[in-house]
PDB file of all heavy atoms in Angstrom:
ATOM      1  N   VAL A   1    -171.368-132.113  14.477  1.00  0.00           N
ATOM      2  CA  VAL A   1    -171.255-130.717  14.068  1.00  0.00           C
ATOM      3  C   VAL A   1    -170.548-130.636  12.714  1.00  0.00           C
ATOM      4  O   VAL A   1    -169.797-131.535  12.348  1.00  0.00           O
ATOM      5  CB  VAL A   1    -170.471-129.889  15.116  1.00  0.00           C
ATOM      6  CG1 VAL A   1    -171.195-129.889  16.455  1.00  0.00           C
ATOM      7  CG2 VAL A   1    -169.045-130.414  15.283  1.00  0.00           C
ATOM      8  N   PRO A   2    -170.768-129.580  11.950  1.00  0.00           N
ATOM      9  CA  PRO A   2    -170.088-129.433  10.664  1.00  0.00           C
ATOM     10  C   PRO A   2    -168.574-129.299  10.853  1.00  0.00           C
ATOM     11  O   PRO A   2    -168.112-128.543  11.708  1.00  0.00           O
ATOM     12  CB  PRO A   2    -170.685-128.144  10.084  1.00  0.00           C
ATOM     13  CG  PRO A   2    -171.975-127.952  10.813  1.00  0.00           C
ATOM     14  CD  PRO A   2    -171.740-128.484  12.184  1.00  0.00           C
ATOM     15  N   TYR A   3    -167.832-130.031  10.059  1.00  0.00           N
ATOM     16  CA  TYR A   3    -166.374-130.023  10.150  1.00  0.00           C
ATOM     17  C   TYR A   3    -165.789-128.626   9.927  1.00  0.00           C
ATOM     18  O   TYR A   3    -164.794-128.244  10.534  1.00  0.00           O
ATOM     19  CB  TYR A   3    -165.800-130.995   9.108  1.00  0.00           C
ATOM     20  CG  TYR A   3    -164.304-130.931   8.940  1.00  0.00           C
ATOM     21  CD1 TYR A   3    -163.452-131.549   9.849  1.00  0.00           C
ATOM     22  CD2 TYR A   3    -163.722-130.248   7.858  1.00  0.00           C
ATOM     23  CE1 TYR A   3    -162.073-131.490   9.695  1.00  0.00           C
ATOM     24  CE2 TYR A   3    -162.355-130.187   7.704  1.00  0.00           C
ATOM     25  CZ  TYR A   3    -161.536-130.806   8.612  1.00  0.00           C
ATOM     26  OH  TYR A   3    -160.167-130.744   8.458  1.00  0.00           O
ATOM     27  N   SER A   4    -166.424-127.840   9.070  1.00  0.00           N
ATOM     28  CA  SER A   4    -165.880-126.522   8.711  1.00  0.00           C
ATOM     29  C   SER A   4    -166.074-125.475   9.801  1.00  0.00           C
ATOM     30  O   SER A   4    -165.444-124.415   9.761  1.00  0.00           O
ATOM     31  CB  SER A   4    -166.524-126.023   7.415  1.00  0.00           C
ATOM     32  OG  SER A   4    -167.916-125.814   7.601  1.00  0.00           O
ATOM     33  N   LYS A   5    -166.950-125.760  10.769  1.00  0.00           N
ATOM     34  CA  LYS A   5    -167.211-124.785  11.829  1.00  0.00           C
ATOM     35  C   LYS A   5    -166.226-124.987  12.976  1.00  0.00           C
ATOM     36  O   LYS A   5    -166.014-126.093  13.440  1.00  0.00           O
ATOM     37  CB  LYS A   5    -168.649-124.900  12.334  1.00  0.00           C
ATOM     38  CG  LYS A   5    -169.695-124.741  11.225  1.00  0.00           C
ATOM     39  CD  LYS A   5    -169.539-123.426  10.465  1.00  0.00           C
ATOM     40  CE  LYS A   5    -170.558-123.299   9.344  1.00  0.00           C
ATOM     41  NZ  LYS A   5    -170.403-122.041   8.566  1.00  0.00           N
ATOM     42  N   LYS A   6    -165.644-123.885  13.425  1.00  0.00           N
ATOM     43  CA  LYS A   6    -164.529-123.967  14.375  1.00  0.00           C
ATOM     44  C   LYS A   6    -164.883-123.545  15.799  1.00  0.00           C
ATOM     45  O   LYS A   6    -164.052-123.642  16.691  1.00  0.00           O
ATOM     46  CB  LYS A   6    -163.368-123.108  13.867  1.00  0.00           C
ATOM     47  CG  LYS A   6    -162.903-123.460  12.456  1.00  0.00           C
ATOM     48  CD  LYS A   6    -162.502-124.926  12.340  1.00  0.00           C
ATOM     49  CE  LYS A   6    -162.063-125.286  10.923  1.00  0.00           C
ATOM     50  NZ  LYS A   6    -161.786-126.730  10.780  1.00  0.00           N
ATOM     51  N   HIS A   7    -166.085-123.062  16.026  1.00  0.00           N
ATOM     52  CA  HIS A   7    -166.450-122.597  17.354  1.00  0.00           C
ATOM     53  C   HIS A   7    -167.691-123.338  17.858  1.00  0.00           C
ATOM     54  O   HIS A   7    -168.700-123.417  17.154  1.00  0.00           O
ATOM     55  CB  HIS A   7    -166.690-121.079  17.344  1.00  0.00           C
ATOM     56  CG  HIS A   7    -165.498-120.309  16.877  1.00  0.00           C
ATOM     57  ND1 HIS A   7    -165.312-119.952  15.559  1.00  0.00           N
ATOM     58  CD2 HIS A   7    -164.403-119.859  17.551  1.00  0.00           C
ATOM     59  CE1 HIS A   7    -164.166-119.310  15.440  1.00  0.00           C
ATOM     60  NE2 HIS A   7    -163.602-119.241  16.625  1.00  0.00           N
ATOM     61  N   HIS A   8    -167.577-123.860  19.071  1.00  0.00           N
ATOM     62  CA  HIS A   8    -168.641-124.685  19.616  1.00  0.00           C
ATOM     63  C   HIS A   8    -168.858-124.374  21.100  1.00  0.00           C
ATOM     64  O   HIS A   8    -167.916-124.013  21.812  1.00  0.00           O
ATOM     65  CB  HIS A   8    -168.297-126.167  19.460  1.00  0.00           C
ATOM     66  CG  HIS A   8    -167.871-126.540  18.077  1.00  0.00           C
ATOM     67  ND1 HIS A   8    -168.756-126.640  17.019  1.00  0.00           N
ATOM     68  CD2 HIS A   8    -166.640-126.812  17.557  1.00  0.00           C
ATOM     69  CE1 HIS A   8    -168.102-126.976  15.922  1.00  0.00           C
ATOM     70  NE2 HIS A   8    -166.816-127.074  16.216  1.00  0.00           N
ATOM     71  N   ILE A   9    -170.089-124.541  21.556  1.00  0.00           N
ATOM     72  CA  ILE A   9    -170.412-124.384  22.970  1.00  0.00           C
ATOM     73  C   ILE A   9    -169.999-125.675  23.676  1.00  0.00           C
ATOM     74  O   ILE A   9    -170.650-126.700  23.543  1.00  0.00           O
ATOM     75  CB  ILE A   9    -171.918-124.129  23.199  1.00  0.00           C
ATOM     76  CG1 ILE A   9    -172.435-123.022  22.280  1.00  0.00           C
ATOM     77  CG2 ILE A   9    -172.185-123.823  24.669  1.00  0.00           C
ATOM     78  CD1 ILE A   9    -171.835-121.663  22.535  1.00  0.00           C
ATOM     79  N   MET A  10    -168.923-125.623  24.424  1.00  0.00           N
ATOM     80  CA  MET A  10    -168.368-126.829  25.040  1.00  0.00           C
ATOM     81  C   MET A  10    -168.906-127.021  26.455  1.00  0.00           C
ATOM     82  O   MET A  10    -168.161-127.155  27.432  1.00  0.00           O
ATOM     83  CB  MET A  10    -166.843-126.737  25.055  1.00  0.00           C
ATOM     84  CG  MET A  10    -166.211-126.513  23.702  1.00  0.00           C
ATOM     85  SD  MET A  10    -166.399-127.928  22.605  1.00  0.00           S
ATOM     86  CE  MET A  10    -165.168-129.024  23.285  1.00  0.00           C
ATOM     87  N   CYS A  11    -170.206-127.029  26.566  1.00  0.00           N
ATOM     88  CA  CYS A  11    -170.861-127.246  27.856  1.00  0.00           C
ATOM     89  C   CYS A  11    -172.224-127.854  27.605  1.00  0.00           C
ATOM     90  O   CYS A  11    -172.910-127.482  26.642  1.00  0.00           O
ATOM     91  CB  CYS A  11    -170.983-125.937  28.633  1.00  0.00           C
ATOM     92  SG  CYS A  11    -171.741-126.120  30.275  1.00  0.00           S
ATOM     93  N   ASN A  12    -172.610-128.770  28.484  1.00  0.00           N
ATOM     94  CA  ASN A  12    -173.889-129.456  28.334  1.00  0.00           C
ATOM     95  C   ASN A  12    -174.801-129.247  29.543  1.00  0.00           C
ATOM     96  O   ASN A  12    -175.879-129.806  29.628  1.00  0.00           O
ATOM     97  CB  ASN A  12    -173.633-130.960  28.133  1.00  0.00           C
ATOM     98  CG  ASN A  12    -174.872-131.724  27.750  1.00  0.00           C
ATOM     99  OD1 ASN A  12    -175.568-131.361  26.810  1.00  0.00           O
ATOM    100  ND2 ASN A  12    -175.159-132.796  28.473  1.00  0.00           N
ATOM    101  N   SER A  13    -174.349-128.419  30.495  1.00  0.00           N
ATOM    102  CA  SER A  13    -175.097-128.254  31.743  1.00  0.00           C
ATOM    103  C   SER A  13    -176.403-127.494  31.520  1.00  0.00           C
ATOM    104  O   SER A  13    -176.450-126.494  30.806  1.00  0.00           O
ATOM    105  CB  SER A  13    -174.255-127.511  32.773  1.00  0.00           C
ATOM    106  OG  SER A  13    -174.979-127.308  33.965  1.00  0.00           O
ATOM    107  N   LYS A  14    -177.438-127.961  32.165  1.00  0.00           N
ATOM    108  CA  LYS A  14    -178.742-127.294  32.111  1.00  0.00           C
ATOM    109  C   LYS A  14    -178.968-126.411  33.337  1.00  0.00           C
ATOM    110  O   LYS A  14    -180.010-125.777  33.475  1.00  0.00           O
ATOM    111  CB  LYS A  14    -179.861-128.341  32.016  1.00  0.00           C
ATOM    112  CG  LYS A  14    -179.693-129.352  30.885  1.00  0.00           C
ATOM    113  CD  LYS A  14    -179.630-128.695  29.530  1.00  0.00           C
ATOM    114  CE  LYS A  14    -179.611-129.728  28.401  1.00  0.00           C
ATOM    115  NZ  LYS A  14    -178.412-130.583  28.376  1.00  0.00           N
ATOM    116  N   ASP A  15    -177.960-126.378  34.238  1.00  0.00           N
ATOM    117  CA  ASP A  15    -178.083-125.572  35.455  1.00  0.00           C
ATOM    118  C   ASP A  15    -177.885-124.086  35.158  1.00  0.00           C
ATOM    119  O   ASP A  15    -177.405-123.713  34.081  1.00  0.00           O
ATOM    120  CB  ASP A  15    -177.038-126.014  36.488  1.00  0.00           C
ATOM    121  CG  ASP A  15    -177.323-127.401  37.036  1.00  0.00           C
ATOM    122  OD1 ASP A  15    -178.497-127.808  37.014  1.00  0.00           O
ATOM    123  OD2 ASP A  15    -176.367-128.081  37.458  1.00  0.00           O
ATOM    124  N   LYS A  16    -178.225-123.267  36.120  1.00  0.00           N
ATOM    125  CA  LYS A  16    -178.003-121.832  35.998  1.00  0.00           C
ATOM    126  C   LYS A  16    -176.521-121.519  36.194  1.00  0.00           C
ATOM    127  O   LYS A  16    -175.782-122.301  36.779  1.00  0.00           O
ATOM    128  CB  LYS A  16    -178.852-121.080  37.014  1.00  0.00           C
ATOM    129  CG  LYS A  16    -180.349-121.191  36.760  1.00  0.00           C
ATOM    130  CD  LYS A  16    -181.143-120.401  37.786  1.00  0.00           C
ATOM    131  CE  LYS A  16    -182.646-120.508  37.515  1.00  0.00           C
ATOM    132  NZ  LYS A  16    -183.446-119.740  38.500  1.00  0.00           N
ATOM    133  N   GLY A  17    -176.120-120.357  35.707  1.00  0.00           N
ATOM    134  CA  GLY A  17    -174.714-119.988  35.683  1.00  0.00           C
ATOM    135  C   GLY A  17    -173.968-120.137  36.989  1.00  0.00           C
ATOM    136  O   GLY A  17    -172.873-120.712  37.036  1.00  0.00           O
ATOM    137  N   LEU A  18    -174.526-119.633  38.093  1.00  0.00           N
ATOM    138  CA  LEU A  18    -173.838-119.695  39.385  1.00  0.00           C
ATOM    139  C   LEU A  18    -173.680-121.130  39.865  1.00  0.00           C
ATOM    140  O   LEU A  18    -172.638-121.492  40.439  1.00  0.00           O
ATOM    141  CB  LEU A  18    -174.597-118.869  40.428  1.00  0.00           C
ATOM    142  CG  LEU A  18    -174.581-117.341  40.215  1.00  0.00           C
ATOM    143  CD1 LEU A  18    -175.431-116.651  41.270  1.00  0.00           C
ATOM    144  CD2 LEU A  18    -173.139-116.810  40.248  1.00  0.00           C
ATOM    145  N   ASP A  19    -174.673-121.963  39.621  1.00  0.00           N
ATOM    146  CA  ASP A  19    -174.592-123.372  40.008  1.00  0.00           C
ATOM    147  C   ASP A  19    -173.554-124.105  39.158  1.00  0.00           C
ATOM    148  O   ASP A  19    -172.848-124.991  39.648  1.00  0.00           O
ATOM    149  CB  ASP A  19    -175.957-124.050  39.850  1.00  0.00           C
ATOM    150  CG  ASP A  19    -176.980-123.510  40.840  1.00  0.00           C
ATOM    151  OD1 ASP A  19    -176.572-123.136  41.958  1.00  0.00           O
ATOM    152  OD2 ASP A  19    -178.180-123.444  40.491  1.00  0.00           O
ATOM    153  N   VAL A  20    -173.478-123.715  37.902  1.00  0.00           N
ATOM    154  CA  VAL A  20    -172.482-124.319  37.007  1.00  0.00           C
ATOM    155  C   VAL A  20    -171.083-123.992  37.484  1.00  0.00           C
ATOM    156  O   VAL A  20    -170.195-124.858  37.545  1.00  0.00           O
ATOM    157  CB  VAL A  20    -172.680-123.825  35.557  1.00  0.00           C
ATOM    158  CG1 VAL A  20    -171.538-124.307  34.667  1.00  0.00           C
ATOM    159  CG2 VAL A  20    -174.010-124.300  35.007  1.00  0.00           C
ATOM    160  N   LYS A  21    -170.861-122.743  37.838  1.00  0.00           N
ATOM    161  CA  LYS A  21    -169.531-122.286  38.251  1.00  0.00           C
ATOM    162  C   LYS A  21    -169.033-123.006  39.492  1.00  0.00           C
ATOM    163  O   LYS A  21    -167.830-123.217  39.668  1.00  0.00           O
ATOM    164  CB  LYS A  21    -169.556-120.777  38.489  1.00  0.00           C
ATOM    165  CG  LYS A  21    -168.176-120.154  38.635  1.00  0.00           C
ATOM    166  CD  LYS A  21    -168.251-118.642  38.704  1.00  0.00           C
ATOM    167  CE  LYS A  21    -166.841-118.049  38.805  1.00  0.00           C
ATOM    168  NZ  LYS A  21    -166.903-116.566  38.879  1.00  0.00           N
ATOM    169  N   LYS A  22    -169.954-123.404  40.378  1.00  0.00           N
ATOM    170  CA  LYS A  22    -169.566-124.122  41.593  1.00  0.00           C
ATOM    171  C   LYS A  22    -168.937-125.472  41.257  1.00  0.00           C
ATOM    172  O   LYS A  22    -168.088-125.975  41.991  1.00  0.00           O
ATOM    173  CB  LYS A  22    -170.787-124.350  42.484  1.00  0.00           C
ATOM    174  CG  LYS A  22    -171.371-123.097  43.093  1.00  0.00           C
ATOM    175  CD  LYS A  22    -172.627-123.437  43.887  1.00  0.00           C
ATOM    176  CE  LYS A  22    -173.294-122.183  44.435  1.00  0.00           C
ATOM    177  NZ  LYS A  22    -174.565-122.518  45.147  1.00  0.00           N
ATOM    178  N   ASN A  23    -169.367-126.060  40.159  1.00  0.00           N
ATOM    179  CA  ASN A  23    -168.927-127.408  39.801  1.00  0.00           C
ATOM    180  C   ASN A  23    -167.875-127.462  38.705  1.00  0.00           C
ATOM    181  O   ASN A  23    -167.157-128.459  38.591  1.00  0.00           O
ATOM    182  CB  ASN A  23    -170.133-128.248  39.362  1.00  0.00           C
ATOM    183  CG  ASN A  23    -171.114-128.483  40.487  1.00  0.00           C
ATOM    184  OD1 ASN A  23    -170.719-128.850  41.583  1.00  0.00           O
ATOM    185  ND2 ASN A  23    -172.399-128.270  40.217  1.00  0.00           N
ATOM    186  N   CYS A  24    -167.780-126.392  37.900  1.00  0.00           N
ATOM    187  CA  CYS A  24    -166.833-126.427  36.781  1.00  0.00           C
ATOM    188  C   CYS A  24    -166.451-125.018  36.364  1.00  0.00           C
ATOM    189  O   CYS A  24    -167.326-124.207  36.030  1.00  0.00           O
ATOM    190  CB  CYS A  24    -167.446-127.178  35.600  1.00  0.00           C
ATOM    191  SG  CYS A  24    -166.351-127.306  34.167  1.00  0.00           S
ATOM    192  N   SER A  25    -165.159-124.743  36.361  1.00  0.00           N
ATOM    193  CA  SER A  25    -164.698-123.398  35.996  1.00  0.00           C
ATOM    194  C   SER A  25    -164.800-123.128  34.505  1.00  0.00           C
ATOM    195  O   SER A  25    -164.680-121.981  34.064  1.00  0.00           O
ATOM    196  CB  SER A  25    -163.235-123.211  36.442  1.00  0.00           C
ATOM    197  OG  SER A  25    -162.384-124.152  35.800  1.00  0.00           O
ATOM    198  N   ALA A  26    -165.033-124.186  33.715  1.00  0.00           N
ATOM    199  CA  ALA A  26    -165.147-124.015  32.259  1.00  0.00           C
ATOM    200  C   ALA A  26    -166.591-124.066  31.784  1.00  0.00           C
ATOM    201  O   ALA A  26    -166.858-123.989  30.588  1.00  0.00           O
ATOM    202  CB  ALA A  26    -164.339-125.088  31.535  1.00  0.00           C
ATOM    203  N   GLY A  27    -167.538-124.154  32.729  1.00  0.00           N
ATOM    204  CA  GLY A  27    -168.936-124.271  32.355  1.00  0.00           C
ATOM    205  C   GLY A  27    -169.547-122.954  31.916  1.00  0.00           C
ATOM    206  O   GLY A  27    -169.062-121.870  32.264  1.00  0.00           O
ATOM    207  N   CYS A  28    -170.627-123.043  31.156  1.00  0.00           N
ATOM    208  CA  CYS A  28    -171.318-121.853  30.658  1.00  0.00           C
ATOM    209  C   CYS A  28    -172.002-121.111  31.797  1.00  0.00           C
ATOM    210  O   CYS A  28    -172.718-121.712  32.607  1.00  0.00           O
ATOM    211  CB  CYS A  28    -172.347-122.260  29.604  1.00  0.00           C
ATOM    212  SG  CYS A  28    -173.325-120.891  28.969  1.00  0.00           S
ATOM    213  N   LEU A  29    -171.822-119.792  31.845  1.00  0.00           N
ATOM    214  CA  LEU A  29    -172.397-118.952  32.900  1.00  0.00           C
ATOM    215  C   LEU A  29    -173.772-118.401  32.542  1.00  0.00           C
ATOM    216  O   LEU A  29    -174.363-117.662  33.317  1.00  0.00           O
ATOM    217  CB  LEU A  29    -171.444-117.788  33.202  1.00  0.00           C
ATOM    218  CG  LEU A  29    -170.032-118.187  33.651  1.00  0.00           C
ATOM    219  CD1 LEU A  29    -169.168-116.941  33.818  1.00  0.00           C
ATOM    220  CD2 LEU A  29    -170.073-118.987  34.936  1.00  0.00           C
ATOM    221  N   SER A  30    -174.249-118.734  31.362  1.00  0.00           N
ATOM    222  CA  SER A  30    -175.571-118.269  30.891  1.00  0.00           C
ATOM    223  C   SER A  30    -175.664-116.742  30.838  1.00  0.00           C
ATOM    224  O   SER A  30    -176.742-116.173  30.989  1.00  0.00           O
ATOM    225  CB  SER A  30    -176.693-118.811  31.805  1.00  0.00           C
ATOM    226  OG  SER A  30    -176.598-120.202  31.957  1.00  0.00           O
ATOM    227  N   CYS A  31    -174.526-116.090  30.608  1.00  0.00           N
ATOM    228  CA  CYS A  31    -174.512-114.626  30.622  1.00  0.00           C
ATOM    229  C   CYS A  31    -175.075-114.009  29.347  1.00  0.00           C
ATOM    230  O   CYS A  31    -175.486-112.848  29.332  1.00  0.00           O
ATOM    231  CB  CYS A  31    -173.094-114.123  30.857  1.00  0.00           C
ATOM    232  SG  CYS A  31    -171.936-114.543  29.533  1.00  0.00           S
ATOM    233  N   GLY A  32    -175.053-114.762  28.253  1.00  0.00           N
ATOM    234  CA  GLY A  32    -175.601-114.276  26.984  1.00  0.00           C
ATOM    235  C   GLY A  32    -174.701-113.349  26.202  1.00  0.00           C
ATOM    236  O   GLY A  32    -175.125-112.778  25.187  1.00  0.00           O
ATOM    237  N   LEU A  33    -173.441-113.160  26.637  1.00  0.00           N
ATOM    238  CA  LEU A  33    -172.528-112.281  25.892  1.00  0.00           C
ATOM    239  C   LEU A  33    -172.281-112.799  24.481  1.00  0.00           C
ATOM    240  O   LEU A  33    -172.132-112.009  23.539  1.00  0.00           O
ATOM    241  CB  LEU A  33    -171.194-112.146  26.640  1.00  0.00           C
ATOM    242  CG  LEU A  33    -171.177-111.200  27.844  1.00  0.00           C
ATOM    243  CD1 LEU A  33    -169.833-111.290  28.564  1.00  0.00           C
ATOM    244  CD2 LEU A  33    -171.420-109.759  27.376  1.00  0.00           C
ATOM    245  N   CYS A  34    -172.232-114.107  24.322  1.00  0.00           N
ATOM    246  CA  CYS A  34    -172.009-114.679  22.995  1.00  0.00           C
ATOM    247  C   CYS A  34    -173.179-114.350  22.068  1.00  0.00           C
ATOM    248  O   CYS A  34    -172.984-114.060  20.877  1.00  0.00           O
ATOM    249  CB  CYS A  34    -171.804-116.187  23.083  1.00  0.00           C
ATOM    250  SG  CYS A  34    -173.138-117.077  23.930  1.00  0.00           S
ATOM    251  N   VAL A  35    -174.383-114.402  22.622  1.00  0.00           N
ATOM    252  CA  VAL A  35    -175.584-114.100  21.830  1.00  0.00           C
ATOM    253  C   VAL A  35    -175.551-112.649  21.356  1.00  0.00           C
ATOM    254  O   VAL A  35    -175.782-112.355  20.172  1.00  0.00           O
ATOM    255  CB  VAL A  35    -176.855-114.353  22.663  1.00  0.00           C
ATOM    256  CG1 VAL A  35    -178.102-113.968  21.859  1.00  0.00           C
ATOM    257  CG2 VAL A  35    -176.945-115.806  23.090  1.00  0.00           C
ATOM    258  N   ARG A  36    -175.230-111.755  22.270  1.00  0.00           N
ATOM    259  CA  ARG A  36    -175.244-110.321  21.942  1.00  0.00           C
ATOM    260  C   ARG A  36    -174.081-109.908  21.046  1.00  0.00           C
ATOM    261  O   ARG A  36    -174.183-108.927  20.306  1.00  0.00           O
ATOM    262  CB  ARG A  36    -175.225-109.505  23.237  1.00  0.00           C
ATOM    263  CG  ARG A  36    -176.479-109.693  24.088  1.00  0.00           C
ATOM    264  CD  ARG A  36    -176.562-108.669  25.212  1.00  0.00           C
ATOM    265  NE  ARG A  36    -175.520-108.862  26.215  1.00  0.00           N
ATOM    266  CZ  ARG A  36    -175.641-109.688  27.249  1.00  0.00           C
ATOM    267  NH1 ARG A  36    -176.735-110.425  27.406  1.00  0.00           N
ATOM    268  NH2 ARG A  36    -174.670-109.787  28.138  1.00  0.00           N
ATOM    269  N   SER A  37    -172.989-110.660  21.091  1.00  0.00           N
ATOM    270  CA  SER A  37    -171.807-110.266  20.311  1.00  0.00           C
ATOM    271  C   SER A  37    -171.800-110.826  18.892  1.00  0.00           C
ATOM    272  O   SER A  37    -171.021-110.378  18.056  1.00  0.00           O
ATOM    273  CB  SER A  37    -170.537-110.718  21.035  1.00  0.00           C
ATOM    274  OG  SER A  37    -170.456-112.140  21.075  1.00  0.00           O
ATOM    275  N   CYS A  38    -172.669-111.796  18.611  1.00  0.00           N
ATOM    276  CA  CYS A  38    -172.649-112.437  17.296  1.00  0.00           C
ATOM    277  C   CYS A  38    -173.227-111.510  16.227  1.00  0.00           C
ATOM    278  O   CYS A  38    -174.410-111.146  16.276  1.00  0.00           O
ATOM    279  CB  CYS A  38    -173.436-113.743  17.322  1.00  0.00           C
ATOM    280  SG  CYS A  38    -173.436-114.597  15.724  1.00  0.00           S
ATOM    281  N   PRO A  39    -172.435-111.120  15.239  1.00  0.00           N
ATOM    282  CA  PRO A  39    -172.919-110.194  14.203  1.00  0.00           C
ATOM    283  C   PRO A  39    -173.909-110.840  13.229  1.00  0.00           C
ATOM    284  O   PRO A  39    -174.610-110.146  12.497  1.00  0.00           O
ATOM    285  CB  PRO A  39    -171.639-109.787  13.475  1.00  0.00           C
ATOM    286  CG  PRO A  39    -170.721-110.946  13.653  1.00  0.00           C
ATOM    287  CD  PRO A  39    -171.014-111.482  15.026  1.00  0.00           C
ATOM    288  N   LYS A  40    -173.986-112.154  13.228  1.00  0.00           N
ATOM    289  CA  LYS A  40    -174.874-112.864  12.297  1.00  0.00           C
ATOM    290  C   LYS A  40    -176.115-113.436  12.987  1.00  0.00           C
ATOM    291  O   LYS A  40    -176.897-114.147  12.345  1.00  0.00           O
ATOM    292  CB  LYS A  40    -174.100-114.009  11.619  1.00  0.00           C
ATOM    293  CG  LYS A  40    -172.908-113.546  10.788  1.00  0.00           C
ATOM    294  CD  LYS A  40    -173.350-112.669   9.633  1.00  0.00           C
ATOM    295  CE  LYS A  40    -172.164-112.227   8.783  1.00  0.00           C
ATOM    296  NZ  LYS A  40    -172.587-111.365   7.652  1.00  0.00           N
TER     297      LYS A  40
END
């Protein structure tokens, strides 16, 4: 990743959000809030 960029998706799971949550409390929930909140 570019050194100058400070925000990264720290999850590699291909499972759906609920399945991810069962195995890891820090996993991506696939909710899409990050997508909708990004101004760029």
